[in-house]
Amino acid sequence: MIKNKVLEHSLQQTIKVYKHADEASLYVADKIAQLIRKKQDLGELAVLGLATGSTPKGVYRELVRLHQNDGLSFQNVVTFNLDEYYPMHPVEDQSYVAFMKHNLFNHIDIPVHQIHIPDGTLSLEGIQAYCDLYEQKIVDFGGLDVQLLGIGRSGHIGFNEPGSLQNSITRLVSLDDITRADASDDFGGKDNVPTQAITMGIQTIIQAKQIFLLALSQRKAEIIKKALKGEISASVPASFLQQLEHVEYILDQEAAAFL
């Protein structure tokens, strides 16, 4: 059994701190697996909101292991990814389509038609209608059962950068300078990083039935303190989660260093 420390910051916050990042990832993967199996027993779909970046890789590794070694099926899983760079072609190495295939989808039995990732190839004129449809698809599946989040050093969740409003929904956004700088290695320099992205909105995210915000490493410690203990403000979009009772903050010791 994984040992962890639970910090009660308020009645509305559950903060779990693990000694190692791998332990934090295993906890989240186990929670997702439990949901999938529960829904299978009920003959229902499990609707997952998924994230990209380095943070969730450990979660996806464990889900792949559970599929390959323990028989966890993803036949009843529907996924909606948070975001995608714009413009971005899905065959590009930096695309989140490529990321999700490499880290999860190519290694499990999820039906392809049950995977949803924002389309980075749209014309500008077609984006609004597409985003409205993305929102409607989530509603049609009964909403997100679980939303997995990371957090950017700008305080973003998804690509909801500073200035994003709590009632925002899926839309085209401009990326913060910090976000583009952090992505520069993947693109061979900051100048090559797209300046825009399509992202689920904050309202879309917080309507999920359960939210796991996973933060790992010392690099996230400062923004975690602001997001969990600071003022609730659009300047730190992740701070809006403080108002919710259905959020678990899953941290390693390094990310929790300033709490």
C-alpha atoms as a PDB file:
ATOM      1  CA  MET A   1       0.000   0.000   0.000  1.00  0.00           C
ATOM      2  CA  ILE A   2       1.334   3.406  -0.957  1.00  0.00           C
ATOM      3  CA  LYS A   3       1.926   5.624   2.036  1.00  0.00           C
ATOM      4  CA  ASN A   4       1.097   9.254   1.624  1.00  0.00           C
ATOM      5  CA  LYS A   5       0.525  12.377   3.614  1.00  0.00           C
ATOM      6  CA  VAL A   6      -2.804  14.156   3.292  1.00  0.00           C
ATOM      7  CA  LEU A   7      -2.786  17.878   3.954  1.00  0.00           C
ATOM      8  CA  GLU A   8      -6.139  19.445   4.784  1.00  0.00           C
ATOM      9  CA  HIS A   9      -5.799  23.045   3.577  1.00  0.00           C
ATOM     10  CA  SER A  10      -9.541  23.599   3.786  1.00  0.00           C
ATOM     11  CA  LEU A  11     -12.762  21.642   3.700  1.00  0.00           C
ATOM     12  CA  GLN A  12     -12.666  21.864  -0.066  1.00  0.00           C
ATOM     13  CA  GLN A  13      -9.101  20.710  -0.743  1.00  0.00           C
ATOM     14  CA  THR A  14      -7.639  17.238  -0.660  1.00  0.00           C
ATOM     15  CA  ILE A  15      -3.878  17.359  -1.159  1.00  0.00           C
ATOM     16  CA  LYS A  16      -1.948  14.092  -1.287  1.00  0.00           C
ATOM     17  CA  VAL A  17       1.839  14.225  -1.171  1.00  0.00           C
ATOM     18  CA  TYR A  18       3.924  11.230  -2.231  1.00  0.00           C
ATOM     19  CA  LYS A  19       7.615  10.716  -1.643  1.00  0.00           C
ATOM     20  CA  HIS A  20       8.262   9.781  -5.264  1.00  0.00           C
ATOM     21  CA  ALA A  21       6.684  10.876  -8.530  1.00  0.00           C
ATOM     22  CA  ASP A  22       6.107   7.235  -9.542  1.00  0.00           C
ATOM     23  CA  GLU A  23       3.944   6.672  -6.466  1.00  0.00           C
ATOM     24  CA  ALA A  24       1.830   9.696  -7.293  1.00  0.00           C
ATOM     25  CA  SER A  25       1.353   8.455 -10.853  1.00  0.00           C
ATOM     26  CA  LEU A  26       0.406   4.961  -9.677  1.00  0.00           C
ATOM     27  CA  TYR A  27      -2.270   6.390  -7.404  1.00  0.00           C
ATOM     28  CA  VAL A  28      -3.929   8.307 -10.248  1.00  0.00           C
ATOM     29  CA  ALA A  29      -3.696   5.368 -12.664  1.00  0.00           C
ATOM     30  CA  ASP A  30      -5.285   3.082 -10.070  1.00  0.00           C
ATOM     31  CA  LYS A  31      -8.169   5.514  -9.570  1.00  0.00           C
ATOM     32  CA  ILE A  32      -8.771   5.649 -13.325  1.00  0.00           C
ATOM     33  CA  ALA A  33      -8.583   1.863 -13.604  1.00  0.00           C
ATOM     34  CA  GLN A  34     -11.106   1.480 -10.774  1.00  0.00           C
ATOM     35  CA  LEU A  35     -13.516   3.767 -12.609  1.00  0.00           C
ATOM     36  CA  ILE A  36     -13.114   1.872 -15.893  1.00  0.00           C
ATOM     37  CA  ARG A  37     -13.791  -1.465 -14.195  1.00  0.00           C
ATOM     38  CA  LYS A  38     -16.760  -0.107 -12.247  1.00  0.00           C
ATOM     39  CA  LYS A  39     -18.293   1.239 -15.433  1.00  0.00           C
ATOM     40  CA  GLN A  40     -17.665  -2.089 -17.183  1.00  0.00           C
ATOM     41  CA  ASP A  41     -19.551  -3.906 -14.439  1.00  0.00           C
ATOM     42  CA  LEU A  42     -22.462  -1.526 -14.966  1.00  0.00           C
ATOM     43  CA  GLY A  43     -22.319  -1.834 -18.749  1.00  0.00           C
ATOM     44  CA  GLU A  44     -21.513   1.868 -19.072  1.00  0.00           C
ATOM     45  CA  LEU A  45     -18.914   4.021 -20.787  1.00  0.00           C
ATOM     46  CA  ALA A  46     -16.091   5.643 -18.798  1.00  0.00           C
ATOM     47  CA  VAL A  47     -15.520   9.168 -20.129  1.00  0.00           C
ATOM     48  CA  LEU A  48     -11.991  10.419 -19.464  1.00  0.00           C
ATOM     49  CA  GLY A  49     -10.518  13.870 -19.927  1.00  0.00           C
ATOM     50  CA  LEU A  50      -6.817  13.430 -20.658  1.00  0.00           C
ATOM     51  CA  ALA A  51      -3.735  15.634 -20.499  1.00  0.00           C
ATOM     52  CA  THR A  52      -0.381  15.713 -22.270  1.00  0.00           C
ATOM     53  CA  GLY A  53       3.147  16.768 -21.339  1.00  0.00           C
ATOM     54  CA  SER A  54       5.731  15.072 -19.167  1.00  0.00           C
ATOM     55  CA  THR A  55       3.552  14.941 -16.032  1.00  0.00           C
ATOM     56  CA  PRO A  56       0.978  12.287 -17.047  1.00  0.00           C
ATOM     57  CA  LYS A  57       3.460   9.934 -18.726  1.00  0.00           C
ATOM     58  CA  GLY A  58       3.784   7.811 -15.579  1.00  0.00           C
ATOM     59  CA  VAL A  59       0.004   7.491 -15.361  1.00  0.00           C
ATOM     60  CA  TYR A  60      -0.170   6.308 -18.950  1.00  0.00           C
ATOM     61  CA  ARG A  61       2.696   3.840 -18.453  1.00  0.00           C
ATOM     62  CA  GLU A  62       0.817   2.237 -15.577  1.00  0.00           C
ATOM     63  CA  LEU A  63      -2.457   2.100 -17.516  1.00  0.00           C
ATOM     64  CA  VAL A  64      -0.632   0.375 -20.380  1.00  0.00           C
ATOM     65  CA  ARG A  65       0.887  -2.096 -17.888  1.00  0.00           C
ATOM     66  CA  LEU A  66      -2.535  -2.788 -16.383  1.00  0.00           C
ATOM     67  CA  HIS A  67      -3.876  -3.492 -19.874  1.00  0.00           C
ATOM     68  CA  GLN A  68      -1.001  -5.709 -20.971  1.00  0.00           C
ATOM     69  CA  ASN A  69      -0.414  -7.584 -17.700  1.00  0.00           C
ATOM     70  CA  ASP A  70      -3.680  -7.407 -15.760  1.00  0.00           C
ATOM     71  CA  GLY A  71      -6.237  -7.500 -18.550  1.00  0.00           C
ATOM     72  CA  LEU A  72      -7.650  -4.002 -18.105  1.00  0.00           C
ATOM     73  CA  SER A  73      -9.761  -3.355 -21.194  1.00  0.00           C
ATOM     74  CA  PHE A  74     -10.419   0.098 -22.635  1.00  0.00           C
ATOM     75  CA  GLN A  75     -13.254  -1.000 -24.914  1.00  0.00           C
ATOM     76  CA  ASN A  76     -15.735   0.994 -22.819  1.00  0.00           C
ATOM     77  CA  VAL A  77     -13.546   4.113 -22.584  1.00  0.00           C
ATOM     78  CA  VAL A  78     -14.226   7.407 -24.356  1.00  0.00           C
ATOM     79  CA  THR A  79     -11.518  10.065 -24.178  1.00  0.00           C
ATOM     80  CA  PHE A  80     -11.419  13.816 -24.687  1.00  0.00           C
ATOM     81  CA  ASN A  81      -8.033  15.484 -24.683  1.00  0.00           C
ATOM     82  CA  LEU A  82      -7.663  18.930 -23.182  1.00  0.00           C
ATOM     83  CA  ASP A  83      -5.890  20.665 -26.021  1.00  0.00           C
ATOM     84  CA  GLU A  84      -3.771  20.787 -29.156  1.00  0.00           C
ATOM     85  CA  TYR A  85      -1.401  23.323 -30.644  1.00  0.00           C
ATOM     86  CA  TYR A  86      -2.699  25.409 -33.547  1.00  0.00           C
ATOM     87  CA  PRO A  87      -1.827  25.046 -36.294  1.00  0.00           C
ATOM     88  CA  MET A  88      -0.619  21.482 -35.922  1.00  0.00           C
ATOM     89  CA  HIS A  89      -0.828  18.426 -38.161  1.00  0.00           C
ATOM     90  CA  PRO A  90      -1.441  15.131 -36.307  1.00  0.00           C
ATOM     91  CA  VAL A  91       1.545  13.420 -37.958  1.00  0.00           C
ATOM     92  CA  GLU A  92       3.984  15.973 -36.516  1.00  0.00           C
ATOM     93  CA  ASP A  93       6.095  14.676 -33.625  1.00  0.00           C
ATOM     94  CA  GLN A  94       5.062  17.649 -31.458  1.00  0.00           C
ATOM     95  CA  SER A  95       1.342  17.064 -31.954  1.00  0.00           C
ATOM     96  CA  TYR A  96      -0.689  15.816 -29.030  1.00  0.00           C
ATOM     97  CA  VAL A  97      -2.199  13.194 -31.323  1.00  0.00           C
ATOM     98  CA  ALA A  98       1.306  11.748 -31.740  1.00  0.00           C
ATOM     99  CA  PHE A  99       1.949  12.081 -28.008  1.00  0.00           C
ATOM    100  CA  MET A 100      -1.205  10.205 -27.045  1.00  0.00           C
ATOM    101  CA  LYS A 101      -0.607   7.445 -29.587  1.00  0.00           C
ATOM    102  CA  HIS A 102       2.977   6.972 -28.441  1.00  0.00           C
ATOM    103  CA  ASN A 103       2.259   7.063 -24.724  1.00  0.00           C
ATOM    104  CA  LEU A 104      -1.140   5.363 -24.535  1.00  0.00           C
ATOM    105  CA  PHE A 105      -3.443   4.714 -27.442  1.00  0.00           C
ATOM    106  CA  ASN A 106      -1.149   2.510 -29.552  1.00  0.00           C
ATOM    107  CA  HIS A 107      -0.715   0.153 -26.597  1.00  0.00           C
ATOM    108  CA  ILE A 108      -4.314  -0.399 -25.448  1.00  0.00           C
ATOM    109  CA  ASP A 109      -7.575  -1.671 -26.973  1.00  0.00           C
ATOM    110  CA  ILE A 110      -9.555   1.570 -27.066  1.00  0.00           C
ATOM    111  CA  PRO A 111     -11.725   1.867 -30.199  1.00  0.00           C
ATOM    112  CA  VAL A 112     -10.356   4.646 -32.410  1.00  0.00           C
ATOM    113  CA  HIS A 113     -13.763   6.294 -32.850  1.00  0.00           C
ATOM    114  CA  GLN A 114     -13.963   6.802 -29.070  1.00  0.00           C
ATOM    115  CA  ILE A 115     -10.855   9.043 -29.034  1.00  0.00           C
ATOM    116  CA  HIS A 116     -11.308  12.812 -29.292  1.00  0.00           C
ATOM    117  CA  ILE A 117      -8.423  15.294 -29.594  1.00  0.00           C
ATOM    118  CA  PRO A 118      -8.814  18.900 -30.770  1.00  0.00           C
ATOM    119  CA  ASP A 119      -8.070  19.277 -34.484  1.00  0.00           C
ATOM    120  CA  GLY A 120      -5.086  21.509 -35.192  1.00  0.00           C
ATOM    121  CA  THR A 121      -5.620  21.453 -38.962  1.00  0.00           C
ATOM    122  CA  LEU A 122      -8.839  23.471 -39.078  1.00  0.00           C
ATOM    123  CA  SER A 123      -9.259  26.707 -40.980  1.00  0.00           C
ATOM    124  CA  LEU A 124      -9.617  29.737 -38.722  1.00  0.00           C
ATOM    125  CA  GLU A 125     -13.173  30.112 -39.964  1.00  0.00           C
ATOM    126  CA  GLY A 126     -14.062  26.592 -38.900  1.00  0.00           C
ATOM    127  CA  ILE A 127     -12.680  26.662 -35.363  1.00  0.00           C
ATOM    128  CA  GLN A 128     -15.665  28.130 -33.522  1.00  0.00           C
ATOM    129  CA  ALA A 129     -18.143  25.605 -34.902  1.00  0.00           C
ATOM    130  CA  TYR A 130     -15.699  22.791 -34.196  1.00  0.00           C
ATOM    131  CA  CYS A 131     -15.206  23.923 -30.587  1.00  0.00           C
ATOM    132  CA  ASP A 132     -18.973  24.127 -30.070  1.00  0.00           C
ATOM    133  CA  LEU A 133     -19.270  20.573 -31.394  1.00  0.00           C
ATOM    134  CA  TYR A 134     -16.474  19.385 -29.083  1.00  0.00           C
ATOM    135  CA  GLU A 135     -18.421  20.769 -26.126  1.00  0.00           C
ATOM    136  CA  GLN A 136     -21.617  19.128 -27.331  1.00  0.00           C
ATOM    137  CA  LYS A 137     -19.933  15.742 -27.752  1.00  0.00           C
ATOM    138  CA  ILE A 138     -18.808  15.825 -24.118  1.00  0.00           C
ATOM    139  CA  VAL A 139     -22.385  16.599 -23.071  1.00  0.00           C
ATOM    140  CA  ASP A 140     -23.747  13.841 -25.308  1.00  0.00           C
ATOM    141  CA  PHE A 141     -21.563  11.289 -23.542  1.00  0.00           C
ATOM    142  CA  GLY A 142     -22.913  12.436 -20.178  1.00  0.00           C
ATOM    143  CA  GLY A 143     -19.974  14.657 -19.246  1.00  0.00           C
ATOM    144  CA  LEU A 144     -16.468  13.791 -18.124  1.00  0.00           C
ATOM    145  CA  ASP A 145     -16.273  11.184 -15.357  1.00  0.00           C
ATOM    146  CA  VAL A 146     -12.642  12.083 -14.660  1.00  0.00           C
ATOM    147  CA  GLN A 147     -10.425  14.940 -15.776  1.00  0.00           C
ATOM    148  CA  LEU A 148      -6.672  14.475 -15.471  1.00  0.00           C
ATOM    149  CA  LEU A 149      -4.776  17.757 -15.278  1.00  0.00           C
ATOM    150  CA  GLY A 150      -1.211  18.932 -15.111  1.00  0.00           C
ATOM    151  CA  ILE A 151      -0.312  22.515 -14.347  1.00  0.00           C
ATOM    152  CA  GLY A 152       1.933  24.824 -16.318  1.00  0.00           C
ATOM    153  CA  ARG A 153       4.374  27.256 -14.743  1.00  0.00           C
ATOM    154  CA  SER A 154       2.052  30.000 -15.995  1.00  0.00           C
ATOM    155  CA  GLY A 155      -0.698  28.489 -13.862  1.00  0.00           C
ATOM    156  CA  HIS A 156      -2.540  27.109 -16.856  1.00  0.00           C
ATOM    157  CA  ILE A 157      -4.742  24.032 -16.830  1.00  0.00           C
ATOM    158  CA  GLY A 158      -5.190  22.785 -20.334  1.00  0.00           C
ATOM    159  CA  PHE A 159      -4.053  25.810 -22.322  1.00  0.00           C
ATOM    160  CA  ASN A 160      -6.179  28.163 -20.230  1.00  0.00           C
ATOM    161  CA  GLU A 161      -3.468  30.774 -19.816  1.00  0.00           C
ATOM    162  CA  PRO A 162      -3.468  33.730 -17.388  1.00  0.00           C
ATOM    163  CA  GLY A 163      -6.514  35.888 -18.078  1.00  0.00           C
ATOM    164  CA  SER A 164      -8.773  32.922 -18.829  1.00  0.00           C
ATOM    165  CA  LEU A 165     -12.186  33.251 -17.234  1.00  0.00           C
ATOM    166  CA  GLN A 166     -13.950  30.673 -15.110  1.00  0.00           C
ATOM    167  CA  ASN A 167     -16.865  30.479 -17.558  1.00  0.00           C
ATOM    168  CA  SER A 168     -14.604  29.859 -20.577  1.00  0.00           C
ATOM    169  CA  ILE A 169     -15.350  26.905 -22.848  1.00  0.00           C
ATOM    170  CA  THR A 170     -13.492  25.166 -25.690  1.00  0.00           C
ATOM    171  CA  ARG A 171     -11.894  27.810 -27.914  1.00  0.00           C
ATOM    172  CA  LEU A 172      -8.799  29.097 -29.719  1.00  0.00           C
ATOM    173  CA  VAL A 173      -6.325  30.807 -27.362  1.00  0.00           C
ATOM    174  CA  SER A 174      -2.971  32.574 -27.487  1.00  0.00           C
ATOM    175  CA  LEU A 175      -0.173  30.864 -25.598  1.00  0.00           C
ATOM    176  CA  ASP A 176       1.648  32.548 -22.731  1.00  0.00           C
ATOM    177  CA  ASP A 177       5.331  33.361 -23.145  1.00  0.00           C
ATOM    178  CA  ILE A 178       6.247  31.024 -20.265  1.00  0.00           C
ATOM    179  CA  THR A 179       4.338  28.177 -21.908  1.00  0.00           C
ATOM    180  CA  ARG A 180       6.108  28.676 -25.218  1.00  0.00           C
ATOM    181  CA  ALA A 181       9.495  28.889 -23.514  1.00  0.00           C
ATOM    182  CA  ASP A 182       8.828  25.607 -21.680  1.00  0.00           C
ATOM    183  CA  ALA A 183       7.927  23.938 -24.981  1.00  0.00           C
ATOM    184  CA  SER A 184      10.968  25.255 -26.828  1.00  0.00           C
ATOM    185  CA  ASP A 185      13.039  22.061 -26.503  1.00  0.00           C
ATOM    186  CA  ASP A 186      10.316  20.016 -28.202  1.00  0.00           C
ATOM    187  CA  PHE A 187      10.252  22.395 -31.157  1.00  0.00           C
ATOM    188  CA  GLY A 188      13.966  23.106 -31.531  1.00  0.00           C
ATOM    189  CA  GLY A 189      13.648  26.660 -30.244  1.00  0.00           C
ATOM    190  CA  LYS A 190      10.975  28.974 -28.909  1.00  0.00           C
ATOM    191  CA  ASP A 191      10.511  30.687 -32.278  1.00  0.00           C
ATOM    192  CA  ASN A 192       9.199  27.397 -33.659  1.00  0.00           C
ATOM    193  CA  VAL A 193       6.550  26.933 -30.955  1.00  0.00           C
ATOM    194  CA  PRO A 194       3.027  27.749 -32.149  1.00  0.00           C
ATOM    195  CA  THR A 195       1.593  30.925 -30.679  1.00  0.00           C
ATOM    196  CA  GLN A 196      -1.931  29.512 -30.418  1.00  0.00           C
ATOM    197  CA  ALA A 197      -3.786  26.384 -29.331  1.00  0.00           C
ATOM    198  CA  ILE A 198      -7.281  24.946 -29.082  1.00  0.00           C
ATOM    199  CA  THR A 199      -8.194  24.123 -25.492  1.00  0.00           C
ATOM    200  CA  MET A 200     -11.093  22.998 -23.383  1.00  0.00           C
ATOM    201  CA  GLY A 201     -12.259  25.881 -21.222  1.00  0.00           C
ATOM    202  CA  ILE A 202     -12.147  26.149 -17.456  1.00  0.00           C
ATOM    203  CA  GLN A 203     -15.908  25.695 -17.244  1.00  0.00           C
ATOM    204  CA  THR A 204     -15.587  22.537 -19.339  1.00  0.00           C
ATOM    205  CA  ILE A 205     -12.907  21.192 -17.000  1.00  0.00           C
ATOM    206  CA  ILE A 206     -14.596  21.962 -13.689  1.00  0.00           C
ATOM    207  CA  GLN A 207     -17.815  20.262 -14.781  1.00  0.00           C
ATOM    208  CA  ALA A 208     -16.011  16.895 -14.680  1.00  0.00           C
ATOM    209  CA  LYS A 209     -17.320  14.647 -11.917  1.00  0.00           C
ATOM    210  CA  GLN A 210     -13.812  14.057 -10.513  1.00  0.00           C
ATOM    211  CA  ILE A 211     -10.605  16.031 -11.136  1.00  0.00           C
ATOM    212  CA  PHE A 212      -7.046  14.938 -10.456  1.00  0.00           C
ATOM    213  CA  LEU A 213      -4.424  17.669 -10.695  1.00  0.00           C
ATOM    214  CA  LEU A 214      -1.014  15.986 -10.848  1.00  0.00           C
ATOM    215  CA  ALA A 215       2.117  18.052 -10.249  1.00  0.00           C
ATOM    216  CA  LEU A 216       5.622  16.632 -10.086  1.00  0.00           C
ATOM    217  CA  SER A 217       9.104  18.105  -9.564  1.00  0.00           C
ATOM    218  CA  GLN A 218      10.593  21.212  -7.997  1.00  0.00           C
ATOM    219  CA  ARG A 219       9.799  23.204 -11.151  1.00  0.00           C
ATOM    220  CA  LYS A 220       6.117  23.140 -10.193  1.00  0.00           C
ATOM    221  CA  ALA A 221       6.525  24.036  -6.489  1.00  0.00           C
ATOM    222  CA  GLU A 222       6.141  27.799  -6.853  1.00  0.00           C
ATOM    223  CA  ILE A 223       3.043  27.681  -9.053  1.00  0.00           C
ATOM    224  CA  ILE A 224       1.486  24.960  -6.898  1.00  0.00           C
ATOM    225  CA  LYS A 225       1.730  27.253  -3.875  1.00  0.00           C
ATOM    226  CA  LYS A 226       0.019  30.052  -5.820  1.00  0.00           C
ATOM    227  CA  ALA A 227      -2.657  27.767  -7.237  1.00  0.00           C
ATOM    228  CA  LEU A 228      -3.545  26.065  -3.947  1.00  0.00           C
ATOM    229  CA  LYS A 229      -2.884  28.750  -1.342  1.00  0.00           C
ATOM    230  CA  GLY A 230      -3.022  32.010  -3.270  1.00  0.00           C
ATOM    231  CA  GLU A 231      -5.846  34.282  -4.291  1.00  0.00           C
ATOM    232  CA  ILE A 232      -8.463  32.844  -6.620  1.00  0.00           C
ATOM    233  CA  SER A 233      -7.813  34.822  -9.778  1.00  0.00           C
ATOM    234  CA  ALA A 234      -7.749  34.610 -13.559  1.00  0.00           C
ATOM    235  CA  SER A 235      -4.040  35.455 -13.302  1.00  0.00           C
ATOM    236  CA  VAL A 236      -3.545  31.886 -12.019  1.00  0.00           C
ATOM    237  CA  PRO A 237      -6.256  29.895 -13.792  1.00  0.00           C
ATOM    238  CA  ALA A 238      -5.603  26.736 -11.745  1.00  0.00           C
ATOM    239  CA  SER A 239      -6.650  28.679  -8.644  1.00  0.00           C
ATOM    240  CA  PHE A 240     -10.295  28.392  -9.726  1.00  0.00           C
ATOM    241  CA  LEU A 241     -10.115  24.739  -8.639  1.00  0.00           C
ATOM    242  CA  GLN A 242      -9.875  25.863  -5.007  1.00  0.00           C
ATOM    243  CA  GLN A 243     -13.647  26.395  -5.037  1.00  0.00           C
ATOM    244  CA  LEU A 244     -14.390  22.763  -5.860  1.00  0.00           C
ATOM    245  CA  GLU A 245     -14.852  19.774  -3.582  1.00  0.00           C
ATOM    246  CA  HIS A 246     -14.288  17.153  -6.288  1.00  0.00           C
ATOM    247  CA  VAL A 247     -10.593  17.934  -6.878  1.00  0.00           C
ATOM    248  CA  GLU A 248      -7.634  15.921  -5.598  1.00  0.00           C
ATOM    249  CA  TYR A 249      -4.190  17.514  -5.810  1.00  0.00           C
ATOM    250  CA  ILE A 250      -1.664  14.703  -6.258  1.00  0.00           C
ATOM    251  CA  LEU A 251       1.889  15.908  -5.668  1.00  0.00           C
ATOM    252  CA  ASP A 252       5.358  14.548  -5.121  1.00  0.00           C
ATOM    253  CA  GLN A 253       7.417  15.986  -2.287  1.00  0.00           C
ATOM    254  CA  GLU A 254       9.307  18.348  -4.585  1.00  0.00           C
ATOM    255  CA  ALA A 255       6.153  19.907  -6.026  1.00  0.00           C
ATOM    256  CA  ALA A 256       4.733  20.288  -2.497  1.00  0.00           C
ATOM    257  CA  ALA A 257       7.888  21.880  -1.104  1.00  0.00           C
ATOM    258  CA  PHE A 258       6.353  25.341  -0.526  1.00  0.00           C
ATOM    259  CA  LEU A 259       3.035  24.222   0.952  1.00  0.00           C
END
